[in-house]
């Protein structure tokens, strides 16, 4: 799912989005694009409309210190999900040895 936020500006599609669509199709998934001013609520509204039992989210690489200062989308989804299960997949972090070579 991709959530577009109504900013009033015409935004270019993110470069990575087409690759994500292809991967999703290869894995048998279904792509959805929705619009909402509040990303967390847009995701939950869509999940409720689809009668979803669970939502799977990818985490960001933001630090824990950042989160209390900024209410994260993930935190808002978790706190408002009700009976919908929320699963969080950690962001990929290359092993330190590989990261040091880059």
PDB file of N, CA and C in Angstrom:
ATOM      1  N   UNK A   1       0.842  -1.160   0.000  1.00  0.00           N
ATOM      2  CA  UNK A   1       0.000   0.000   0.000  1.00  0.00           C
ATOM      3  C   UNK A   1       0.892   1.229   0.000  1.00  0.00           C
ATOM      4  N   UNK A   2       0.474   2.204  -0.755  1.00  0.00           N
ATOM      5  CA  UNK A   2       1.161   3.487  -0.772  1.00  0.00           C
ATOM      6  C   UNK A   2       0.133   4.546  -0.415  1.00  0.00           C
ATOM      7  N   UNK A   3       0.472   5.393   0.553  1.00  0.00           N
ATOM      8  CA  UNK A   3      -0.438   6.450   0.988  1.00  0.00           C
ATOM      9  C   UNK A   3       0.081   7.781   0.463  1.00  0.00           C
ATOM     10  N   UNK A   4      -0.724   8.418  -0.369  1.00  0.00           N
ATOM     11  CA  UNK A   4      -0.405   9.774  -0.845  1.00  0.00           C
ATOM     12  C   UNK A   4      -1.052  10.769   0.105  1.00  0.00           C
ATOM     13  N   UNK A   5      -0.299  11.768   0.489  1.00  0.00           N
ATOM     14  CA  UNK A   5      -0.856  12.802   1.355  1.00  0.00           C
ATOM     15  C   UNK A   5      -1.221  14.007   0.493  1.00  0.00           C
ATOM     16  N   UNK A   6      -2.408  14.574   0.707  1.00  0.00           N
ATOM     17  CA  UNK A   6      -2.864  15.699  -0.121  1.00  0.00           C
ATOM     18  C   UNK A   6      -2.169  17.001   0.282  1.00  0.00           C
ATOM     19  N   UNK A   7      -1.069  17.300  -0.394  1.00  0.00           N
ATOM     20  CA  UNK A   7      -0.314  18.503  -0.064  1.00  0.00           C
ATOM     21  C   UNK A   7      -0.692  19.674  -0.955  1.00  0.00           C
ATOM     22  N   UNK A   8      -1.472  19.393  -1.992  1.00  0.00           N
ATOM     23  CA  UNK A   8      -1.809  20.454  -2.931  1.00  0.00           C
ATOM     24  C   UNK A   8      -0.777  20.570  -4.047  1.00  0.00           C
ATOM     25  N   UNK A   9       0.345  19.865  -3.896  1.00  0.00           N
ATOM     26  CA  UNK A   9       1.388  19.875  -4.909  1.00  0.00           C
ATOM     27  C   UNK A   9       1.331  18.576  -5.700  1.00  0.00           C
ATOM     28  N   UNK A  10       1.683  18.651  -6.963  1.00  0.00           N
ATOM     29  CA  UNK A  10       1.773  17.438  -7.770  1.00  0.00           C
ATOM     30  C   UNK A  10       3.139  16.833  -7.476  1.00  0.00           C
ATOM     31  N   UNK A  11       3.118  15.657  -6.878  1.00  0.00           N
ATOM     32  CA  UNK A  11       4.370  15.024  -6.484  1.00  0.00           C
ATOM     33  C   UNK A  11       4.772  13.964  -7.493  1.00  0.00           C
ATOM     34  N   UNK A  12       6.061  13.861  -7.718  1.00  0.00           N
ATOM     35  CA  UNK A  12       6.573  12.787  -8.567  1.00  0.00           C
ATOM     36  C   UNK A  12       6.479  11.479  -7.794  1.00  0.00           C
ATOM     37  N   UNK A  13       6.223  10.410  -8.510  1.00  0.00           N
ATOM     38  CA  UNK A  13       6.161   9.103  -7.872  1.00  0.00           C
ATOM     39  C   UNK A  13       7.565   8.733  -7.405  1.00  0.00           C
ATOM     40  N   UNK A  14       7.690   8.233  -6.184  1.00  0.00           N
ATOM     41  CA  UNK A  14       9.021   7.841  -5.706  1.00  0.00           C
ATOM     42  C   UNK A  14       9.657   6.813  -6.640  1.00  0.00           C
ATOM     43  N   UNK A  15      10.955   6.935  -6.846  1.00  0.00           N
ATOM     44  CA  UNK A  15      11.692   6.076  -7.764  1.00  0.00           C
ATOM     45  C   UNK A  15      11.548   4.603  -7.384  1.00  0.00           C
ATOM     46  N   UNK A  16      11.544   4.303  -6.116  1.00  0.00           N
ATOM     47  CA  UNK A  16      11.515   2.922  -5.635  1.00  0.00           C
ATOM     48  C   UNK A  16      10.144   2.262  -5.747  1.00  0.00           C
ATOM     49  N   UNK A  17       9.095   3.026  -5.987  1.00  0.00           N
ATOM     50  CA  UNK A  17       7.740   2.486  -5.926  1.00  0.00           C
ATOM     51  C   UNK A  17       7.471   1.410  -6.983  1.00  0.00           C
ATOM     52  N   UNK A  18       7.946   1.602  -8.203  1.00  0.00           N
ATOM     53  CA  UNK A  18       7.701   0.605  -9.251  1.00  0.00           C
ATOM     54  C   UNK A  18       8.356  -0.728  -8.904  1.00  0.00           C
ATOM     55  N   UNK A  19       9.548  -0.694  -8.356  1.00  0.00           N
ATOM     56  CA  UNK A  19      10.209  -1.929  -7.931  1.00  0.00           C
ATOM     57  C   UNK A  19       9.432  -2.637  -6.838  1.00  0.00           C
ATOM     58  N   UNK A  20       8.858  -1.865  -5.928  1.00  0.00           N
ATOM     59  CA  UNK A  20       8.050  -2.450  -4.864  1.00  0.00           C
ATOM     60  C   UNK A  20       6.781  -3.083  -5.429  1.00  0.00           C
ATOM     61  N   UNK A  21       6.177  -2.430  -6.417  1.00  0.00           N
ATOM     62  CA  UNK A  21       4.979  -2.994  -7.063  1.00  0.00           C
ATOM     63  C   UNK A  21       5.294  -4.332  -7.724  1.00  0.00           C
ATOM     64  N   UNK A  22       6.428  -4.383  -8.443  1.00  0.00           N
ATOM     65  CA  UNK A  22       6.824  -5.633  -9.112  1.00  0.00           C
ATOM     66  C   UNK A  22       7.069  -6.739  -8.096  1.00  0.00           C
ATOM     67  N   UNK A  23       7.785  -6.429  -7.025  1.00  0.00           N
ATOM     68  CA  UNK A  23       8.059  -7.423  -5.988  1.00  0.00           C
ATOM     69  C   UNK A  23       6.756  -7.931  -5.386  1.00  0.00           C
ATOM     70  N   UNK A  24       5.853  -7.030  -5.106  1.00  0.00           N
ATOM     71  CA  UNK A  24       4.560  -7.406  -4.536  1.00  0.00           C
ATOM     72  C   UNK A  24       3.803  -8.350  -5.473  1.00  0.00           C
ATOM     73  N   UNK A  25       3.785  -8.034  -6.763  1.00  0.00           N
ATOM     74  CA  UNK A  25       3.103  -8.891  -7.741  1.00  0.00           C
ATOM     75  C   UNK A  25       3.776 -10.261  -7.823  1.00  0.00           C
ATOM     76  N   UNK A  26       5.105 -10.279  -7.798  1.00  0.00           N
ATOM     77  CA  UNK A  26       5.840 -11.551  -7.848  1.00  0.00           C
ATOM     78  C   UNK A  26       5.521 -12.431  -6.646  1.00  0.00           C
ATOM     79  N   UNK A  27       5.239 -11.808  -5.510  1.00  0.00           N
ATOM     80  CA  UNK A  27       4.938 -12.555  -4.286  1.00  0.00           C
ATOM     81  C   UNK A  27       3.451 -12.858  -4.132  1.00  0.00           C
ATOM     82  N   UNK A  28       2.649 -12.450  -5.128  1.00  0.00           N
ATOM     83  CA  UNK A  28       1.216 -12.742  -5.089  1.00  0.00           C
ATOM     84  C   UNK A  28       0.406 -11.738  -4.298  1.00  0.00           C
ATOM     85  N   UNK A  29       0.988 -10.585  -4.032  1.00  0.00           N
ATOM     86  CA  UNK A  29       0.283  -9.557  -3.263  1.00  0.00           C
ATOM     87  C   UNK A  29      -0.570  -8.660  -4.141  1.00  0.00           C
ATOM     88  N   UNK A  30      -1.292  -7.775  -3.495  1.00  0.00           N
ATOM     89  CA  UNK A  30      -2.171  -6.833  -4.196  1.00  0.00           C
ATOM     90  C   UNK A  30      -1.761  -5.424  -3.799  1.00  0.00           C
ATOM     91  N   UNK A  31      -1.522  -4.578  -4.783  1.00  0.00           N
ATOM     92  CA  UNK A  31      -1.109  -3.199  -4.551  1.00  0.00           C
ATOM     93  C   UNK A  31      -2.334  -2.314  -4.391  1.00  0.00           C
ATOM     94  N   UNK A  32      -2.270  -1.405  -3.443  1.00  0.00           N
ATOM     95  CA  UNK A  32      -3.339  -0.416  -3.265  1.00  0.00           C
ATOM     96  C   UNK A  32      -2.694   0.942  -3.044  1.00  0.00           C
ATOM     97  N   UNK A  33      -3.303   1.960  -3.611  1.00  0.00           N
ATOM     98  CA  UNK A  33      -2.846   3.326  -3.391  1.00  0.00           C
ATOM     99  C   UNK A  33      -4.024   4.115  -2.854  1.00  0.00           C
ATOM    100  N   UNK A  34      -3.812   4.764  -1.726  1.00  0.00           N
ATOM    101  CA  UNK A  34      -4.877   5.534  -1.095  1.00  0.00           C
ATOM    102  C   UNK A  34      -4.369   6.933  -0.792  1.00  0.00           C
ATOM    103  N   UNK A  35      -5.280   7.830  -0.481  1.00  0.00           N
ATOM    104  CA  UNK A  35      -4.929   9.200  -0.135  1.00  0.00           C
ATOM    105  C   UNK A  35      -5.477   9.516   1.241  1.00  0.00           C
ATOM    106  N   UNK A  36      -4.673  10.197   2.032  1.00  0.00           N
ATOM    107  CA  UNK A  36      -5.135  10.607   3.347  1.00  0.00           C
ATOM    108  C   UNK A  36      -4.189  11.611   3.967  1.00  0.00           C
ATOM    109  N   UNK A  37      -4.738  12.575   4.672  1.00  0.00           N
ATOM    110  CA  UNK A  37      -3.918  13.577   5.343  1.00  0.00           C
ATOM    111  C   UNK A  37      -3.162  12.969   6.515  1.00  0.00           C
ATOM    112  N   UNK A  38      -3.764  11.988   7.172  1.00  0.00           N
ATOM    113  CA  UNK A  38      -3.148  11.286   8.298  1.00  0.00           C
ATOM    114  C   UNK A  38      -2.835   9.872   7.819  1.00  0.00           C
ATOM    115  N   UNK A  39      -1.566   9.584   7.598  1.00  0.00           N
ATOM    116  CA  UNK A  39      -1.151   8.300   7.030  1.00  0.00           C
ATOM    117  C   UNK A  39      -1.604   7.136   7.903  1.00  0.00           C
ATOM    118  N   UNK A  40      -1.428   7.248   9.206  1.00  0.00           N
ATOM    119  CA  UNK A  40      -1.815   6.163  10.117  1.00  0.00           C
ATOM    120  C   UNK A  40      -3.306   5.864  10.013  1.00  0.00           C
ATOM    121  N   UNK A  41      -4.123   6.890  10.041  1.00  0.00           N
ATOM    122  CA  UNK A  41      -5.572   6.675   9.971  1.00  0.00           C
ATOM    123  C   UNK A  41      -5.991   6.174   8.592  1.00  0.00           C
ATOM    124  N   UNK A  42      -5.314   6.622   7.539  1.00  0.00           N
ATOM    125  CA  UNK A  42      -5.627   6.133   6.191  1.00  0.00           C
ATOM    126  C   UNK A  42      -5.365   4.632   6.104  1.00  0.00           C
ATOM    127  N   UNK A  43      -4.263   4.180   6.683  1.00  0.00           N
ATOM    128  CA  UNK A  43      -3.943   2.749   6.678  1.00  0.00           C
ATOM    129  C   UNK A  43      -4.983   1.973   7.473  1.00  0.00           C
ATOM    130  N   UNK A  44      -5.328   2.461   8.658  1.00  0.00           N
ATOM    131  CA  UNK A  44      -6.316   1.758   9.484  1.00  0.00           C
ATOM    132  C   UNK A  44      -7.705   1.783   8.857  1.00  0.00           C
ATOM    133  N   UNK A  45      -8.093   2.897   8.252  1.00  0.00           N
ATOM    134  CA  UNK A  45      -9.396   2.960   7.576  1.00  0.00           C
ATOM    135  C   UNK A  45      -9.452   1.935   6.442  1.00  0.00           C
ATOM    136  N   UNK A  46      -8.361   1.825   5.677  1.00  0.00           N
ATOM    137  CA  UNK A  46      -8.294   0.848   4.591  1.00  0.00           C
ATOM    138  C   UNK A  46      -8.368  -0.569   5.150  1.00  0.00           C
ATOM    139  N   UNK A  47      -7.630  -0.831   6.220  1.00  0.00           N
ATOM    140  CA  UNK A  47      -7.632  -2.165   6.837  1.00  0.00           C
ATOM    141  C   UNK A  47      -9.031  -2.542   7.309  1.00  0.00           C
ATOM    142  N   UNK A  48      -9.730  -1.600   7.928  1.00  0.00           N
ATOM    143  CA  UNK A  48     -11.105  -1.867   8.379  1.00  0.00           C
ATOM    144  C   UNK A  48     -12.032  -2.115   7.185  1.00  0.00           C
ATOM    145  N   UNK A  49     -11.900  -1.308   6.137  1.00  0.00           N
ATOM    146  CA  UNK A  49     -12.756  -1.470   4.956  1.00  0.00           C
ATOM    147  C   UNK A  49     -12.528  -2.821   4.280  1.00  0.00           C
ATOM    148  N   UNK A  50     -11.305  -3.325   4.348  1.00  0.00           N
ATOM    149  CA  UNK A  50     -10.961  -4.617   3.740  1.00  0.00           C
ATOM    150  C   UNK A  50     -11.164  -5.782   4.706  1.00  0.00           C
ATOM    151  N   UNK A  51     -11.626  -5.489   5.913  1.00  0.00           N
ATOM    152  CA  UNK A  51     -11.812  -6.511   6.956  1.00  0.00           C
ATOM    153  C   UNK A  51     -10.507  -7.256   7.239  1.00  0.00           C
ATOM    154  N   UNK A  52      -9.412  -6.502   7.290  1.00  0.00           N
ATOM    155  CA  UNK A  52      -8.094  -7.098   7.526  1.00  0.00           C
ATOM    156  C   UNK A  52      -7.963  -7.543   8.979  1.00  0.00           C
ATOM    157  N   UNK A  53      -7.356  -8.690   9.166  1.00  0.00           N
ATOM    158  CA  UNK A  53      -7.096  -9.202  10.511  1.00  0.00           C
ATOM    159  C   UNK A  53      -5.753  -8.699  11.026  1.00  0.00           C
ATOM    160  N   UNK A  54      -4.858  -8.335  10.094  1.00  0.00           N
ATOM    161  CA  UNK A  54      -3.535  -7.874  10.509  1.00  0.00           C
ATOM    162  C   UNK A  54      -2.985  -6.867   9.512  1.00  0.00           C
ATOM    163  N   UNK A  55      -2.054  -6.059  10.007  1.00  0.00           N
ATOM    164  CA  UNK A  55      -1.336  -5.090   9.194  1.00  0.00           C
ATOM    165  C   UNK A  55       0.148  -5.358   9.426  1.00  0.00           C
ATOM    166  N   UNK A  56       0.918  -5.443   8.350  1.00  0.00           N
ATOM    167  CA  UNK A  56       2.359  -5.655   8.453  1.00  0.00           C
ATOM    168  C   UNK A  56       3.042  -4.373   7.991  1.00  0.00           C
ATOM    169  N   UNK A  57       3.887  -3.825   8.849  1.00  0.00           N
ATOM    170  CA  UNK A  57       4.558  -2.560   8.573  1.00  0.00           C
ATOM    171  C   UNK A  57       6.064  -2.746   8.594  1.00  0.00           C
ATOM    172  N   UNK A  58       6.756  -2.001   7.773  1.00  0.00           N
ATOM    173  CA  UNK A  58       8.214  -1.968   7.821  1.00  0.00           C
ATOM    174  C   UNK A  58       8.643  -0.819   8.710  1.00  0.00           C
ATOM    175  N   UNK A  59       9.606  -1.063   9.571  1.00  0.00           N
ATOM    176  CA  UNK A  59      10.063  -0.003  10.471  1.00  0.00           C
ATOM    177  C   UNK A  59      11.051   0.906   9.752  1.00  0.00           C
ATOM    178  N   UNK A  60      11.294   2.044  10.343  1.00  0.00           N
ATOM    179  CA  UNK A  60      12.258   2.995   9.797  1.00  0.00           C
ATOM    180  C   UNK A  60      13.574   2.835  10.543  1.00  0.00           C
ATOM    181  N   UNK A  61      14.567   3.570  10.111  1.00  0.00           N
ATOM    182  CA  UNK A  61      15.863   3.539  10.792  1.00  0.00           C
ATOM    183  C   UNK A  61      16.012   4.706  11.758  1.00  0.00           C
ATOM    184  N   UNK A  62      14.942   5.370  12.062  1.00  0.00           N
ATOM    185  CA  UNK A  62      15.009   6.489  13.012  1.00  0.00           C
ATOM    186  C   UNK A  62      15.413   5.979  14.386  1.00  0.00           C
ATOM    187  N   UNK A  63      16.078   6.830  15.126  1.00  0.00           N
ATOM    188  CA  UNK A  63      16.533   6.434  16.457  1.00  0.00           C
ATOM    189  C   UNK A  63      15.389   6.511  17.454  1.00  0.00           C
ATOM    190  N   UNK A  64      15.532   5.795  18.554  1.00  0.00           N
ATOM    191  CA  UNK A  64      14.526   5.823  19.620  1.00  0.00           C
ATOM    192  C   UNK A  64      14.393   7.235  20.194  1.00  0.00           C
ATOM    193  N   UNK A  65      15.471   8.010  20.195  1.00  0.00           N
ATOM    194  CA  UNK A  65      15.420   9.373  20.728  1.00  0.00           C
ATOM    195  C   UNK A  65      14.510  10.259  19.883  1.00  0.00           C
ATOM    196  N   UNK A  66      14.397   9.969  18.596  1.00  0.00           N
ATOM    197  CA  UNK A  66      13.570  10.758  17.686  1.00  0.00           C
ATOM    198  C   UNK A  66      12.087  10.548  17.968  1.00  0.00           C
ATOM    199  N   UNK A  67      11.702   9.320  18.278  1.00  0.00           N
ATOM    200  CA  UNK A  67      10.296   8.947  18.371  1.00  0.00           C
ATOM    201  C   UNK A  67       9.470   9.727  19.395  1.00  0.00           C
ATOM    202  N   UNK A  68       9.945   9.924  20.644  1.00  0.00           N
ATOM    203  CA  UNK A  68       9.090  10.658  21.589  1.00  0.00           C
ATOM    204  C   UNK A  68       8.789  12.091  21.145  1.00  0.00           C
ATOM    205  N   UNK A  69       9.699  12.674  20.393  1.00  0.00           N
ATOM    206  CA  UNK A  69       9.507  14.052  19.950  1.00  0.00           C
ATOM    207  C   UNK A  69       8.542  14.159  18.776  1.00  0.00           C
ATOM    208  N   UNK A  70       8.414  13.092  18.026  1.00  0.00           N
ATOM    209  CA  UNK A  70       7.565  13.069  16.836  1.00  0.00           C
ATOM    210  C   UNK A  70       6.687  11.832  16.909  1.00  0.00           C
ATOM    211  N   UNK A  71       5.403  12.028  16.915  1.00  0.00           N
ATOM    212  CA  UNK A  71       4.490  10.885  17.014  1.00  0.00           C
ATOM    213  C   UNK A  71       4.592  10.083  15.721  1.00  0.00           C
ATOM    214  N   UNK A  72       5.154   8.901  15.790  1.00  0.00           N
ATOM    215  CA  UNK A  72       5.396   8.116  14.581  1.00  0.00           C
ATOM    216  C   UNK A  72       4.110   7.517  14.025  1.00  0.00           C
ATOM    217  N   UNK A  73       4.116   7.291  12.730  1.00  0.00           N
ATOM    218  CA  UNK A  73       2.988   6.627  12.068  1.00  0.00           C
ATOM    219  C   UNK A  73       2.795   5.249  12.685  1.00  0.00           C
ATOM    220  N   UNK A  74       3.887   4.522  12.869  1.00  0.00           N
ATOM    221  CA  UNK A  74       3.801   3.179  13.444  1.00  0.00           C
ATOM    222  C   UNK A  74       3.204   3.226  14.843  1.00  0.00           C
ATOM    223  N   UNK A  75       3.651   4.139  15.663  1.00  0.00           N
ATOM    224  CA  UNK A  75       3.113   4.264  17.023  1.00  0.00           C
ATOM    225  C   UNK A  75       1.626   4.567  17.030  1.00  0.00           C
ATOM    226  N   UNK A  76       1.188   5.436  16.122  1.00  0.00           N
ATOM    227  CA  UNK A  76      -0.238   5.774  16.058  1.00  0.00           C
ATOM    228  C   UNK A  76      -1.055   4.587  15.572  1.00  0.00           C
ATOM    229  N   UNK A  77      -0.516   3.819  14.630  1.00  0.00           N
ATOM    230  CA  UNK A  77      -1.238   2.629  14.161  1.00  0.00           C
ATOM    231  C   UNK A  77      -1.364   1.622  15.292  1.00  0.00           C
ATOM    232  N   UNK A  78      -0.271   1.366  15.991  1.00  0.00           N
ATOM    233  CA  UNK A  78      -0.301   0.403  17.096  1.00  0.00           C
ATOM    234  C   UNK A  78      -1.304   0.829  18.159  1.00  0.00           C
ATOM    235  N   UNK A  79      -1.302   2.102  18.510  1.00  0.00           N
ATOM    236  CA  UNK A  79      -2.191   2.559  19.587  1.00  0.00           C
ATOM    237  C   UNK A  79      -3.662   2.591  19.179  1.00  0.00           C
ATOM    238  N   UNK A  80      -3.945   2.656  17.873  1.00  0.00           N
ATOM    239  CA  UNK A  80      -5.340   2.760  17.424  1.00  0.00           C
ATOM    240  C   UNK A  80      -5.845   1.529  16.674  1.00  0.00           C
ATOM    241  N   UNK A  81      -5.051   0.468  16.622  1.00  0.00           N
ATOM    242  CA  UNK A  81      -5.406  -0.697  15.807  1.00  0.00           C
ATOM    243  C   UNK A  81      -6.571  -1.501  16.358  1.00  0.00           C
ATOM    244  N   UNK A  82      -6.828  -1.417  17.640  1.00  0.00           N
ATOM    245  CA  UNK A  82      -7.916  -2.201  18.212  1.00  0.00           C
ATOM    246  C   UNK A  82      -7.654  -3.685  18.058  1.00  0.00           C
ATOM    247  N   UNK A  83      -8.576  -4.400  17.414  1.00  0.00           N
ATOM    248  CA  UNK A  83      -8.454  -5.848  17.255  1.00  0.00           C
ATOM    249  C   UNK A  83      -7.591  -6.265  16.062  1.00  0.00           C
ATOM    250  N   UNK A  84      -7.116  -5.308  15.288  1.00  0.00           N
ATOM    251  CA  UNK A  84      -6.242  -5.630  14.157  1.00  0.00           C
ATOM    252  C   UNK A  84      -4.834  -5.876  14.694  1.00  0.00           C
ATOM    253  N   UNK A  85      -4.264  -7.042  14.345  1.00  0.00           N
ATOM    254  CA  UNK A  85      -2.888  -7.341  14.742  1.00  0.00           C
ATOM    255  C   UNK A  85      -1.943  -6.449  13.950  1.00  0.00           C
ATOM    256  N   UNK A  86      -0.909  -5.946  14.614  1.00  0.00           N
ATOM    257  CA  UNK A  86       0.099  -5.133  13.940  1.00  0.00           C
ATOM    258  C   UNK A  86       1.434  -5.866  14.044  1.00  0.00           C
ATOM    259  N   UNK A  87       2.020  -6.167  12.896  1.00  0.00           N
ATOM    260  CA  UNK A  87       3.317  -6.841  12.839  1.00  0.00           C
ATOM    261  C   UNK A  87       4.333  -5.853  12.285  1.00  0.00           C
ATOM    262  N   UNK A  88       5.495  -5.783  12.918  1.00  0.00           N
ATOM    263  CA  UNK A  88       6.529  -4.837  12.525  1.00  0.00           C
ATOM    264  C   UNK A  88       7.752  -5.596  12.026  1.00  0.00           C
ATOM    265  N   UNK A  89       8.161  -5.297  10.799  1.00  0.00           N
ATOM    266  CA  UNK A  89       9.348  -5.908  10.203  1.00  0.00           C
ATOM    267  C   UNK A  89      10.477  -4.892  10.323  1.00  0.00           C
ATOM    268  N   UNK A  90      11.597  -5.277  10.936  1.00  0.00           N
ATOM    269  CA  UNK A  90      12.676  -4.304  11.118  1.00  0.00           C
ATOM    270  C   UNK A  90      13.306  -3.890   9.794  1.00  0.00           C
ATOM    271  N   UNK A  91      13.825  -2.670   9.760  1.00  0.00           N
ATOM    272  CA  UNK A  91      14.527  -2.177   8.576  1.00  0.00           C
ATOM    273  C   UNK A  91      15.801  -2.985   8.392  1.00  0.00           C
ATOM    274  N   UNK A  92      16.147  -3.247   7.138  1.00  0.00           N
ATOM    275  CA  UNK A  92      17.366  -3.993   6.852  1.00  0.00           C
ATOM    276  C   UNK A  92      18.568  -3.168   7.262  1.00  0.00           C
ATOM    277  N   UNK A  93      19.451  -3.788   8.004  1.00  0.00           N
ATOM    278  CA  UNK A  93      20.704  -3.143   8.374  1.00  0.00           C
ATOM    279  C   UNK A  93      21.815  -4.111   7.997  1.00  0.00           C
ATOM    280  N   UNK A  94      22.663  -3.732   7.049  1.00  0.00           N
ATOM    281  CA  UNK A  94      23.718  -4.653   6.642  1.00  0.00           C
ATOM    282  C   UNK A  94      24.640  -4.962   7.817  1.00  0.00           C
ATOM    283  N   UNK A  95      25.202  -6.175   7.836  1.00  0.00           N
ATOM    284  CA  UNK A  95      26.150  -6.496   8.906  1.00  0.00           C
ATOM    285  C   UNK A  95      27.266  -5.465   8.937  1.00  0.00           C
ATOM    286  N   UNK A  96      27.780  -5.179  10.120  1.00  0.00           N
ATOM    287  CA  UNK A  96      28.784  -4.130  10.288  1.00  0.00           C
ATOM    288  C   UNK A  96      29.978  -4.324   9.356  1.00  0.00           C
ATOM    289  N   UNK A  97      30.439  -5.536   9.186  1.00  0.00           N
ATOM    290  CA  UNK A  97      31.598  -5.786   8.320  1.00  0.00           C
ATOM    291  C   UNK A  97      31.315  -5.344   6.884  1.00  0.00           C
ATOM    292  N   UNK A  98      30.105  -5.590   6.389  1.00  0.00           N
ATOM    293  CA  UNK A  98      29.749  -5.164   5.030  1.00  0.00           C
ATOM    294  C   UNK A  98      29.592  -3.656   4.951  1.00  0.00           C
ATOM    295  N   UNK A  99      29.017  -3.060   5.980  1.00  0.00           N
ATOM    296  CA  UNK A  99      28.810  -1.612   5.989  1.00  0.00           C
ATOM    297  C   UNK A  99      30.150  -0.882   6.011  1.00  0.00           C
ATOM    298  N   UNK A 100      31.142  -1.433   6.699  1.00  0.00           N
ATOM    299  CA  UNK A 100      32.456  -0.795   6.782  1.00  0.00           C
ATOM    300  C   UNK A 100      33.187  -0.805   5.441  1.00  0.00           C
ATOM    301  N   UNK A 101      32.896  -1.816   4.588  1.00  0.00           N
ATOM    302  CA  UNK A 101      33.548  -1.906   3.278  1.00  0.00           C
ATOM    303  C   UNK A 101      32.967  -0.923   2.277  1.00  0.00           C
ATOM    304  N   UNK A 102      31.749  -0.469   2.510  1.00  0.00           N
ATOM    305  CA  UNK A 102      31.069   0.396   1.533  1.00  0.00           C
ATOM    306  C   UNK A 102      31.639   1.789   1.510  1.00  0.00           C
TER     307      UNK A 102
END
